[in-house]
C-alpha atoms as a PDB file:
ATOM      1  CA  MET A   1     -68.308  -6.104  44.056  1.00  0.00           C
ATOM      2  CA  ARG A   2     -67.515  -3.945  41.225  1.00  0.00           C
ATOM      3  CA  PRO A   3     -66.426  -6.547  38.222  1.00  0.00           C
ATOM      4  CA  THR A   4     -66.089  -3.847  35.842  1.00  0.00           C
ATOM      5  CA  GLY A   5     -63.883  -1.810  37.766  1.00  0.00           C
ATOM      6  CA  ALA A   6     -61.917  -4.755  38.912  1.00  0.00           C
ATOM      7  CA  GLY A   7     -61.565  -5.866  35.084  1.00  0.00           C
ATOM      8  CA  THR A   8     -60.436  -2.437  34.243  1.00  0.00           C
ATOM      9  CA  GLU A   9     -57.829  -2.123  36.963  1.00  0.00           C
ATOM     10  CA  PHE A  10     -56.404  -5.741  35.950  1.00  0.00           C
ATOM     11  CA  ALA A  11     -56.388  -4.812  32.029  1.00  0.00           C
ATOM     12  CA  LEU A  12     -54.122  -1.908  32.225  1.00  0.00           C
ATOM     13  CA  PRO A  13     -51.400  -3.884  33.968  1.00  0.00           C
ATOM     14  CA  ARG A  14     -51.642  -6.626  31.504  1.00  0.00           C
ATOM     15  CA  ALA A  15     -51.565  -4.170  28.266  1.00  0.00           C
ATOM     16  CA  LEU A  16     -48.413  -2.594  30.090  1.00  0.00           C
ATOM     17  CA  PHE A  17     -46.849  -6.060  30.456  1.00  0.00           C
ATOM     18  CA  PHE A  18     -47.239  -6.858  26.877  1.00  0.00           C
ATOM     19  CA  THR A  19     -45.789  -3.472  25.865  1.00  0.00           C
ATOM     20  CA  VAL A  20     -42.743  -4.278  27.965  1.00  0.00           C
ATOM     21  CA  ALA A  21     -42.561  -7.588  26.568  1.00  0.00           C
ATOM     22  CA  LEU A  22     -42.724  -6.549  22.929  1.00  0.00           C
ATOM     23  CA  ALA A  23     -40.078  -3.883  23.883  1.00  0.00           C
ATOM     24  CA  LEU A  24     -37.856  -6.611  25.398  1.00  0.00           C
ATOM     25  CA  LEU A  25     -38.111  -8.687  22.255  1.00  0.00           C
ATOM     26  CA  ALA A  26     -37.316  -5.663  20.073  1.00  0.00           C
ATOM     27  CA  GLY A  27     -34.187  -5.362  22.100  1.00  0.00           C
ATOM     28  CA  CYS A  28     -33.141  -8.816  21.878  1.00  0.00           C
ATOM     29  CA  SER A  29     -33.549  -8.493  17.947  1.00  0.00           C
ATOM     30  CA  SER A  30     -31.439  -5.407  17.748  1.00  0.00           C
ATOM     31  CA  GLY A  31     -27.743  -4.874  16.955  1.00  0.00           C
ATOM     32  CA  LEU A  32     -26.179  -7.759  15.067  1.00  0.00           C
ATOM     33  CA  ASP A  33     -29.701  -9.522  14.866  1.00  0.00           C
ATOM     34  CA  GLN A  34     -31.145  -6.656  12.576  1.00  0.00           C
ATOM     35  CA  LYS A  35     -31.718  -7.465   8.977  1.00  0.00           C
ATOM     36  CA  PHE A  36     -30.276  -5.382   6.200  1.00  0.00           C
ATOM     37  CA  ASP A  37     -32.652  -3.935   3.554  1.00  0.00           C
ATOM     38  CA  ALA A  38     -30.444  -3.180   0.376  1.00  0.00           C
ATOM     39  CA  ALA A  39     -32.971  -3.273  -1.947  1.00  0.00           C
ATOM     40  CA  THR A  40     -32.066   0.252  -2.902  1.00  0.00           C
ATOM     41  CA  GLU A  41     -29.412   2.539  -1.887  1.00  0.00           C
ATOM     42  CA  ALA A  42     -31.896   4.806   0.460  1.00  0.00           C
ATOM     43  CA  ALA A  43     -32.996   1.484   2.026  1.00  0.00           C
ATOM     44  CA  TYR A  44     -29.490   0.423   2.595  1.00  0.00           C
ATOM     45  CA  ARG A  45     -28.518   3.832   4.024  1.00  0.00           C
ATOM     46  CA  ALA A  46     -31.617   3.591   6.275  1.00  0.00           C
ATOM     47  CA  SER A  47     -30.261  -0.044   7.517  1.00  0.00           C
ATOM     48  CA  LEU A  48     -27.194   1.498   8.539  1.00  0.00           C
ATOM     49  CA  GLU A  49     -28.727   4.515  10.509  1.00  0.00           C
ATOM     50  CA  ARG A  50     -30.845   1.725  12.439  1.00  0.00           C
ATOM     51  CA  LEU A  51     -28.004  -0.227  13.035  1.00  0.00           C
ATOM     52  CA  ARG A  52     -26.228   2.688  14.826  1.00  0.00           C
ATOM     53  CA  LYS A  53     -29.030   3.445  16.733  1.00  0.00           C
ATOM     54  CA  HIS A  54     -29.569   0.356  18.145  1.00  0.00           C
ATOM     55  CA  ALA A  55     -26.234  -1.645  18.295  1.00  0.00           C
ATOM     56  CA  SER A  56     -23.287  -0.941  20.347  1.00  0.00           C
ATOM     57  CA  ALA A  57     -20.097   1.039  19.079  1.00  0.00           C
ATOM     58  CA  GLU A  58     -18.255  -2.365  18.845  1.00  0.00           C
ATOM     59  CA  GLU A  59     -21.035  -3.981  16.750  1.00  0.00           C
ATOM     60  CA  VAL A  60     -21.250  -1.032  14.349  1.00  0.00           C
ATOM     61  CA  ARG A  61     -17.388  -1.188  14.137  1.00  0.00           C
ATOM     62  CA  GLN A  62     -17.441  -4.943  13.084  1.00  0.00           C
ATOM     63  CA  VAL A  63     -20.387  -4.369  10.558  1.00  0.00           C
ATOM     64  CA  GLU A  64     -18.762  -1.412   8.879  1.00  0.00           C
ATOM     65  CA  ASP A  65     -15.343  -3.602   8.779  1.00  0.00           C
ATOM     66  CA  ALA A  66     -17.274  -6.374   7.327  1.00  0.00           C
ATOM     67  CA  LEU A  67     -19.148  -4.032   4.707  1.00  0.00           C
ATOM     68  CA  ARG A  68     -15.477  -2.871   3.406  1.00  0.00           C
ATOM     69  CA  VAL A  69     -14.250  -6.137   2.989  1.00  0.00           C
ATOM     70  CA  LEU A  70     -17.639  -7.197   0.901  1.00  0.00           C
ATOM     71  CA  ALA A  71     -17.136  -3.765  -1.063  1.00  0.00           C
ATOM     72  CA  VAL A  72     -13.609  -4.559  -2.358  1.00  0.00           C
ATOM     73  CA  PRO A  73     -13.936  -5.951  -5.896  1.00  0.00           C
ATOM     74  CA  ASN A  74     -11.970  -8.690  -7.224  1.00  0.00           C
ATOM     75  CA  VAL A  75     -10.113  -6.558  -9.730  1.00  0.00           C
ATOM     76  CA  SER A  76      -9.060  -4.304  -6.968  1.00  0.00           C
ATOM     77  CA  ILE A  77      -7.615  -7.419  -5.210  1.00  0.00           C
ATOM     78  CA  GLY A  78      -5.588  -8.292  -8.425  1.00  0.00           C
ATOM     79  CA  PHE A  79      -4.526  -4.803  -9.108  1.00  0.00           C
ATOM     80  CA  GLU A  80      -3.336  -3.862  -5.524  1.00  0.00           C
ATOM     81  CA  GLY A  81      -1.433  -7.192  -5.005  1.00  0.00           C
ATOM     82  CA  GLY A  82      -3.957  -8.621  -2.471  1.00  0.00           C
ATOM     83  CA  ILE A  83      -6.562  -7.784  -0.125  1.00  0.00           C
ATOM     84  CA  LEU A  84      -4.506  -5.659   2.529  1.00  0.00           C
ATOM     85  CA  GLY A  85      -3.887  -3.246  -0.254  1.00  0.00           C
ATOM     86  CA  ALA A  86      -7.271  -3.321  -1.944  1.00  0.00           C
ATOM     87  CA  LEU A  87      -8.795  -2.463   1.614  1.00  0.00           C
ATOM     88  CA  ASP A  88      -6.194   0.352   2.228  1.00  0.00           C
ATOM     89  CA  LYS A  89      -8.174   2.090  -0.658  1.00  0.00           C
ATOM     90  CA  LEU A  90     -11.261   1.948   0.833  1.00  0.00           C
ATOM     91  CA  ARG A  91     -10.171   3.025   4.376  1.00  0.00           C
ATOM     92  CA  GLY A  92     -11.084   6.731   3.939  1.00  0.00           C
ATOM     93  CA  GLN A  93     -14.588   6.084   2.434  1.00  0.00           C
ATOM     94  CA  ARG A  94     -17.806   6.173   4.476  1.00  0.00           C
ATOM     95  CA  VAL A  95     -19.814   2.600   4.024  1.00  0.00           C
ATOM     96  CA  ASP A  96     -22.730   4.631   3.363  1.00  0.00           C
ATOM     97  CA  THR A  97     -21.727   4.884  -0.180  1.00  0.00           C
ATOM     98  CA  PHE A  98     -21.162   1.073  -0.492  1.00  0.00           C
ATOM     99  CA  GLY A  99     -24.627   0.551  -1.282  1.00  0.00           C
ATOM    100  CA  GLU A 100     -24.247  -0.616  -4.948  1.00  0.00           C
ATOM    101  CA  ALA A 101     -21.033  -2.720  -4.248  1.00  0.00           C
ATOM    102  CA  VAL A 102     -22.439  -4.715  -1.350  1.00  0.00           C
ATOM    103  CA  GLY A 103     -26.418  -4.718  -1.938  1.00  0.00           C
ATOM    104  CA  SER A 104     -26.950  -8.230  -3.261  1.00  0.00           C
ATOM    105  CA  GLN A 105     -24.578  -9.581  -0.692  1.00  0.00           C
ATOM    106  CA  VAL A 106     -26.389  -8.120   2.379  1.00  0.00           C
ATOM    107  CA  ASP A 107     -30.059  -7.543   1.344  1.00  0.00           C
ATOM    108  CA  GLY A 108     -32.089  -9.592   3.950  1.00  0.00           C
ATOM    109  CA  ARG A 109     -29.126 -10.835   5.955  1.00  0.00           C
ATOM    110  CA  THR A 110     -28.421  -9.854   9.554  1.00  0.00           C
ATOM    111  CA  GLY A 111     -25.596  -7.899  10.662  1.00  0.00           C
ATOM    112  CA  ARG A 112     -24.162 -11.331  12.248  1.00  0.00           C
ATOM    113  CA  ASP A 113     -24.468 -12.862   8.805  1.00  0.00           C
ATOM    114  CA  ILE A 114     -22.842  -9.952   7.252  1.00  0.00           C
ATOM    115  CA  VAL A 115     -19.931 -10.063   9.707  1.00  0.00           C
ATOM    116  CA  ALA A 116     -19.666 -13.994   8.850  1.00  0.00           C
ATOM    117  CA  ALA A 117     -19.431 -13.636   5.196  1.00  0.00           C
ATOM    118  CA  ALA A 118     -16.661 -11.149   5.424  1.00  0.00           C
ATOM    119  CA  LYS A 119     -14.685 -13.084   7.793  1.00  0.00           C
ATOM    120  CA  VAL A 120     -14.740 -15.927   5.174  1.00  0.00           C
ATOM    121  CA  ARG A 121     -13.841 -13.674   2.373  1.00  0.00           C
ATOM    122  CA  LEU A 122     -11.191 -11.946   4.220  1.00  0.00           C
ATOM    123  CA  LYS A 123      -9.535 -15.307   5.300  1.00  0.00           C
ATOM    124  CA  GLN A 124      -9.733 -16.863   2.082  1.00  0.00           C
ATOM    125  CA  GLU A 125      -7.793 -13.895  -0.025  1.00  0.00           C
ATOM    126  CA  ALA A 126      -5.488 -13.457   3.236  1.00  0.00           C
ATOM    127  CA  GLU A 127      -4.564 -17.202   2.389  1.00  0.00           C
ATOM    128  CA  LYS A 128      -3.670 -16.362  -1.405  1.00  0.00           C
ATOM    129  CA  GLN A 129      -1.962 -13.319  -0.434  1.00  0.00           C
ATOM    130  CA  LEU A 130       0.368 -14.985   1.809  1.00  0.00           C
ATOM    131  CA  VAL A 131       1.352 -17.675  -0.229  1.00  0.00           C
ATOM    132  CA  ALA A 132       2.124 -15.364  -3.032  1.00  0.00           C
ATOM    133  CA  GLU A 133       3.929 -12.971  -0.895  1.00  0.00           C
ATOM    134  CA  LYS A 134       6.193 -15.645   0.737  1.00  0.00           C
ATOM    135  CA  ALA A 135       7.158 -16.542  -2.712  1.00  0.00           C
ATOM    136  CA  GLU A 136       7.791 -12.992  -3.552  1.00  0.00           C
ATOM    137  CA  MET A 137       9.801 -12.572  -0.022  1.00  0.00           C
ATOM    138  CA  ALA A 138      12.060 -15.319  -0.731  1.00  0.00           C
ATOM    139  CA  LYS A 139      12.963 -14.382  -4.187  1.00  0.00           C
ATOM    140  CA  LEU A 140      13.751 -10.877  -3.018  1.00  0.00           C
ATOM    141  CA  GLU A 141      15.576 -11.994  -0.081  1.00  0.00           C
ATOM    142  CA  ARG A 142      17.749 -14.082  -2.157  1.00  0.00           C
ATOM    143  CA  ALA A 143      18.704 -11.059  -4.372  1.00  0.00           C
ATOM    144  CA  LYS A 144      19.650  -9.050  -1.261  1.00  0.00           C
ATOM    145  CA  GLY A 145      21.801 -11.668  -0.053  1.00  0.00           C
ATOM    146  CA  GLU A 146      23.303 -11.951  -3.458  1.00  0.00           C
ATOM    147  CA  LYS A 147      23.694  -8.143  -3.561  1.00  0.00           C
ATOM    148  CA  GLU A 148      25.400  -7.681  -0.353  1.00  0.00           C
ATOM    149  CA  ALA A 149      27.594 -10.565  -1.112  1.00  0.00           C
ATOM    150  CA  ALA A 150      28.825  -8.573  -4.105  1.00  0.00           C
ATOM    151  CA  ARG A 151      29.153  -5.297  -1.953  1.00  0.00           C
ATOM    152  CA  GLU A 152      32.986  -5.619  -1.652  1.00  0.00           C
ATOM    153  CA  PHE A 153      33.357  -6.072  -5.478  1.00  0.00           C
ATOM    154  CA  LEU A 154      31.080  -3.263  -6.207  1.00  0.00           C
ATOM    155  CA  ALA A 155      33.041  -0.872  -3.649  1.00  0.00           C
ATOM    156  CA  LYS A 156      36.038  -1.314  -6.030  1.00  0.00           C
ATOM    157  CA  VAL A 157      33.986   1.155  -8.329  1.00  0.00           C
ATOM    158  CA  GLU A 158      34.048   4.443  -7.331  1.00  0.00           C
ATOM    159  CA  ILE A 159      32.054   7.489  -8.018  1.00  0.00           C
ATOM    160  CA  GLN A 160      33.991  10.786  -7.418  1.00  0.00           C
ATOM    161  CA  GLU A 161      33.211  14.490  -7.555  1.00  0.00           C
ATOM    162  CA  PRO A 162      29.571  14.246  -8.438  1.00  0.00           C
ATOM    163  CA  ARG A 163      27.927  17.432  -9.362  1.00  0.00           C
ATOM    164  CA  ILE A 164      24.763  18.714 -10.564  1.00  0.00           C
ATOM    165  CA  ALA A 165      24.052  22.132 -12.666  1.00  0.00           C
ATOM    166  CA  ILE A 166      20.664  23.668 -14.078  1.00  0.00           C
ATOM    167  CA  LEU A 167      21.439  25.349 -17.202  1.00  0.00           C
ATOM    168  CA  GLY A 168      19.156  27.348 -19.160  1.00  0.00           C
ATOM    169  CA  THR A 169      15.717  28.579 -18.311  1.00  0.00           C
ATOM    170  CA  ASP A 170      11.956  27.473 -19.293  1.00  0.00           C
ATOM    171  CA  ALA A 171      11.813  24.914 -22.030  1.00  0.00           C
ATOM    172  CA  GLN A 172      15.716  25.359 -22.769  1.00  0.00           C
ATOM    173  CA  ARG A 173      16.207  24.379 -19.160  1.00  0.00           C
ATOM    174  CA  MET A 174      18.449  21.375 -18.835  1.00  0.00           C
ATOM    175  CA  GLY A 175      19.798  19.186 -15.816  1.00  0.00           C
ATOM    176  CA  VAL A 176      23.460  18.433 -16.205  1.00  0.00           C
ATOM    177  CA  LEU A 177      25.108  15.462 -14.216  1.00  0.00           C
ATOM    178  CA  ASP A 178      29.166  15.197 -13.974  1.00  0.00           C
ATOM    179  CA  PHE A 179      31.173  12.737 -12.383  1.00  0.00           C
ATOM    180  CA  LYS A 180      34.339  10.466 -12.527  1.00  0.00           C
ATOM    181  CA  VAL A 181      34.119   6.645 -12.592  1.00  0.00           C
ATOM    182  CA  ALA A 182      37.266   5.228 -10.999  1.00  0.00           C
ATOM    183  CA  ASN A 183      37.068   1.479 -12.038  1.00  0.00           C
ATOM    184  CA  GLY A 184      39.377  -0.099  -9.281  1.00  0.00           C
ATOM    185  CA  SER A 185      38.190  -3.521 -10.017  1.00  0.00           C
ATOM    186  CA  GLU A 186      39.758  -6.306 -12.620  1.00  0.00           C
ATOM    187  CA  GLU A 187      36.793  -6.170 -14.842  1.00  0.00           C
ATOM    188  CA  THR A 188      36.227  -3.900 -17.747  1.00  0.00           C
ATOM    189  CA  LEU A 189      32.806  -2.266 -17.299  1.00  0.00           C
ATOM    190  CA  ALA A 190      30.238  -1.924 -19.921  1.00  0.00           C
ATOM    191  CA  SER A 191      27.408  -0.086 -17.733  1.00  0.00           C
ATOM    192  CA  LEU A 192      26.696   0.992 -14.327  1.00  0.00           C
ATOM    193  CA  PHE A 193      23.495   1.133 -12.520  1.00  0.00           C
ATOM    194  CA  LEU A 194      23.289   4.156 -10.278  1.00  0.00           C
ATOM    195  CA  ARG A 195      21.193   5.335  -7.401  1.00  0.00           C
ATOM    196  CA  ALA A 196      21.257   9.362  -7.239  1.00  0.00           C
ATOM    197  CA  SER A 197      19.952  11.667  -4.725  1.00  0.00           C
ATOM    198  CA  VAL A 198      20.043  15.532  -4.947  1.00  0.00           C
ATOM    199  CA  THR A 199      19.800  17.600  -1.524  1.00  0.00           C
ATOM    200  CA  GLY A 200      19.400  21.397  -1.281  1.00  0.00           C
ATOM    201  CA  ALA A 201      20.918  24.036   0.785  1.00  0.00           C
ATOM    202  CA  GLU A 202      19.162  22.618   4.293  1.00  0.00           C
ATOM    203  CA  GLY A 203      20.049  19.347   3.520  1.00  0.00           C
ATOM    204  CA  LYS A 204      16.327  18.187   2.519  1.00  0.00           C
ATOM    205  CA  VAL A 205      16.295  15.264  -0.052  1.00  0.00           C
ATOM    206  CA  LEU A 206      14.785  16.923  -3.110  1.00  0.00           C
ATOM    207  CA  PHE A 207      14.966  14.142  -5.992  1.00  0.00           C
ATOM    208  CA  THR A 208      15.866  10.468  -5.886  1.00  0.00           C
ATOM    209  CA  ASP A 209      16.296   8.245  -9.213  1.00  0.00           C
ATOM    210  CA  GLU A 210      17.789   5.264 -10.316  1.00  0.00           C
ATOM    211  CA  PHE A 211      19.438   5.083 -13.681  1.00  0.00           C
ATOM    212  CA  THR A 212      21.776   3.013 -16.192  1.00  0.00           C
ATOM    213  CA  TYR A 213      24.826   4.636 -17.380  1.00  0.00           C
ATOM    214  CA  ARG A 214      26.418   2.757 -20.371  1.00  0.00           C
ATOM    215  CA  ALA A 215      29.845   3.342 -20.966  1.00  0.00           C
ATOM    216  CA  SER A 216      30.972   3.973 -24.373  1.00  0.00           C
ATOM    217  CA  PRO A 217      33.518   2.787 -24.828  1.00  0.00           C
ATOM    218  CA  PRO A 218      33.725   0.485 -21.785  1.00  0.00           C
ATOM    219  CA  ILE A 219      35.692   1.520 -18.799  1.00  0.00           C
ATOM    220  CA  ALA A 220      38.752  -0.616 -18.562  1.00  0.00           C
ATOM    221  CA  ALA A 221      40.334  -2.056 -15.299  1.00  0.00           C
ATOM    222  CA  GLY A 222      41.997   0.820 -13.533  1.00  0.00           C
ATOM    223  CA  GLN A 223      40.717   3.466 -15.760  1.00  0.00           C
ATOM    224  CA  VAL A 224      39.081   6.555 -14.630  1.00  0.00           C
ATOM    225  CA  ARG A 225      36.472   8.206 -16.800  1.00  0.00           C
ATOM    226  CA  ASP A 226      35.077  11.723 -16.742  1.00  0.00           C
ATOM    227  CA  VAL A 227      31.360  11.499 -17.393  1.00  0.00           C
ATOM    228  CA  ARG A 228      28.882  14.331 -18.441  1.00  0.00           C
ATOM    229  CA  LEU A 229      24.949  13.315 -18.712  1.00  0.00           C
ATOM    230  CA  PRO A 230      22.677  16.017 -20.079  1.00  0.00           C
ATOM    231  CA  SER A 231      19.113  15.773 -19.107  1.00  0.00           C
ATOM    232  CA  ASN A 232      16.101  17.497 -20.308  1.00  0.00           C
ATOM    233  CA  SER A 233      13.480  15.129 -19.436  1.00  0.00           C
ATOM    234  CA  PRO A 234      10.641  17.174 -17.886  1.00  0.00           C
ATOM    235  CA  ASN A 235      10.210  17.190 -13.947  1.00  0.00           C
ATOM    236  CA  LYS A 236      13.347  15.115 -13.594  1.00  0.00           C
ATOM    237  CA  TRP A 237      16.808  16.360 -13.390  1.00  0.00           C
ATOM    238  CA  ASN A 238      15.724  19.983 -14.781  1.00  0.00           C
ATOM    239  CA  SER A 239      12.577  20.349 -12.749  1.00  0.00           C
ATOM    240  CA  PRO A 240      11.295  23.790 -11.242  1.00  0.00           C
ATOM    241  CA  GLU A 241      11.964  22.453  -7.877  1.00  0.00           C
ATOM    242  CA  LEU A 242      15.523  22.049  -8.417  1.00  0.00           C
ATOM    243  CA  ALA A 243      16.124  24.954 -10.592  1.00  0.00           C
ATOM    244  CA  LYS A 244      14.817  27.590  -7.868  1.00  0.00           C
ATOM    245  CA  GLN A 245      17.304  26.166  -5.385  1.00  0.00           C
ATOM    246  CA  SER A 246      20.568  28.160  -4.811  1.00  0.00           C
ATOM    247  CA  GLN A 247      22.687  25.202  -3.625  1.00  0.00           C
ATOM    248  CA  LEU A 248      22.283  21.707  -5.022  1.00  0.00           C
ATOM    249  CA  THR A 249      24.254  18.743  -3.795  1.00  0.00           C
ATOM    250  CA  LEU A 250      24.488  15.336  -5.815  1.00  0.00           C
ATOM    251  CA  GLN A 251      25.106  11.970  -4.455  1.00  0.00           C
ATOM    252  CA  LEU A 252      25.596   8.717  -6.480  1.00  0.00           C
ATOM    253  CA  GLN A 253      26.083   5.246  -5.455  1.00  0.00           C
ATOM    254  CA  VAL A 254      27.077   2.254  -7.550  1.00  0.00           C
ATOM    255  CA  GLU A 255      24.022  -0.611  -7.401  1.00  0.00           C
ATOM    256  CA  ASN A 256      25.151  -2.775  -9.889  1.00  0.00           C
ATOM    257  CA  ALA A 257      27.470  -3.006 -12.972  1.00  0.00           C
ATOM    258  CA  SER A 258      27.936  -5.269 -15.899  1.00  0.00           C
ATOM    259  CA  THR A 259      31.108  -6.126 -17.757  1.00  0.00           C
ATOM    260  CA  LEU A 260      32.092  -6.022 -21.361  1.00  0.00           C
ATOM    261  CA  ALA A 261      31.026  -9.947 -21.747  1.00  0.00           C
ATOM    262  CA  GLY A 262      27.194  -8.791 -20.288  1.00  0.00           C
ATOM    263  CA  SER A 263      27.212 -10.372 -16.830  1.00  0.00           C
ATOM    264  CA  LYS A 264      26.168  -8.528 -14.089  1.00  0.00           C
ATOM    265  CA  LEU A 265      28.290  -8.164 -11.042  1.00  0.00           C
ATOM    266  CA  ALA A 266      25.637  -8.235  -8.481  1.00  0.00           C
ATOM    267  CA  ALA A 267      21.860  -9.768  -8.407  1.00  0.00           C
ATOM    268  CA  SER A 268      19.212  -7.134  -9.366  1.00  0.00           C
ATOM    269  CA  PHE A 269      17.795  -5.652  -6.119  1.00  0.00           C
ATOM    270  CA  THR A 270      16.946  -1.780  -6.450  1.00  0.00           C
ATOM    271  CA  GLN A 271      15.693   0.473  -3.735  1.00  0.00           C
ATOM    272  CA  LYS A 272      12.074  -0.100  -5.110  1.00  0.00           C
ATOM    273  CA  ASP A 273      12.851  -3.776  -4.429  1.00  0.00           C
ATOM    274  CA  ALA A 274      13.927  -2.922  -0.873  1.00  0.00           C
ATOM    275  CA  GLU A 275      10.824  -1.047  -0.376  1.00  0.00           C
ATOM    276  CA  ARG A 276       8.797  -3.782  -1.726  1.00  0.00           C
ATOM    277  CA  LEU A 277      10.468  -6.490   0.908  1.00  0.00           C
ATOM    278  CA  ALA A 278      10.004  -4.019   3.526  1.00  0.00           C
ATOM    279  CA  MET A 279       6.294  -3.929   2.798  1.00  0.00           C
ATOM    280  CA  LEU A 280       5.952  -7.968   2.323  1.00  0.00           C
ATOM    281  CA  VAL A 281       7.653  -8.297   5.739  1.00  0.00           C
ATOM    282  CA  LYS A 282       4.890  -5.779   7.525  1.00  0.00           C
ATOM    283  CA  HIS A 283       2.265  -7.776   5.589  1.00  0.00           C
ATOM    284  CA  LYS A 284       3.315 -11.178   6.942  1.00  0.00           C
ATOM    285  CA  PRO A 285       2.194 -10.973  10.434  1.00  0.00           C
ATOM    286  CA  GLN A 286      -1.031  -9.295   9.498  1.00  0.00           C
ATOM    287  CA  LEU A 287      -1.824 -12.051   6.984  1.00  0.00           C
ATOM    288  CA  GLU A 288      -0.792 -14.660   9.409  1.00  0.00           C
ATOM    289  CA  ALA A 289      -3.071 -13.288  12.082  1.00  0.00           C
ATOM    290  CA  ILE A 290      -6.112 -13.155   9.632  1.00  0.00           C
ATOM    291  CA  VAL A 291      -5.426 -16.826   8.559  1.00  0.00           C
ATOM    292  CA  SER A 292      -5.036 -18.350  11.961  1.00  0.00           C
ATOM    293  CA  ASN A 293      -8.220 -16.543  13.211  1.00  0.00           C
ATOM    294  CA  PRO A 294     -10.734 -18.988  13.711  1.00  0.00           C
END
């Protein structure tokens, strides 16, 4: 009998067994079950590195997306008009830099807890943004519809022979717009709201603007008015980019008009309003998907 040898032969496999068991337990607690240490920014970054080593690519993506949601300050949500715009501001930033912003929210919490907390915040903010944007969409769509209904009338007010010239150089440089207004409507017009665009020799749009032309005196029904508008506002009609072009083409479109009595002929719906409406339409299914996600 060799009890010592037998004991030795048995002890080695038992030690190996416990080593493997501990490794398996460590594996079970990896990934989303690891706790974050965010007491300091260095500890926060170390927790991220540990996550990236032990978690799957999908788990890392979930936690990093969650950290972005938690890093968004409330003031940014208000300034950007909602959580989607605020998140867009953080898209290009590495989550490694969010230690100060999220430290108190993630310290001592597992990746799973962080993902859950971000999901709650994202849903709450999306619900608020969806309500606000639905109301704004309804208002803009109503204005758009009213403006479309007034197109027939506005078409009676024509802009003819639009031209642009850049006069002078350097500090004396001035942009000059020349055009005719043909009032084919039955109203006396006090002002026109115009959308302008300038293209170069290759047809590329170089500049766009919206502005109000106030007629003095008002333009009577059936009248044709020659208009010259000089502008020396920096970086607008006299910008260096326009001045260096060999050929410029001006286009003017009547977006709205007001009568002598001061009433507008169409609801106010500008190009910026159209762009805003398009963005809201894009946001709507995104927000609805977030809100409906259990």
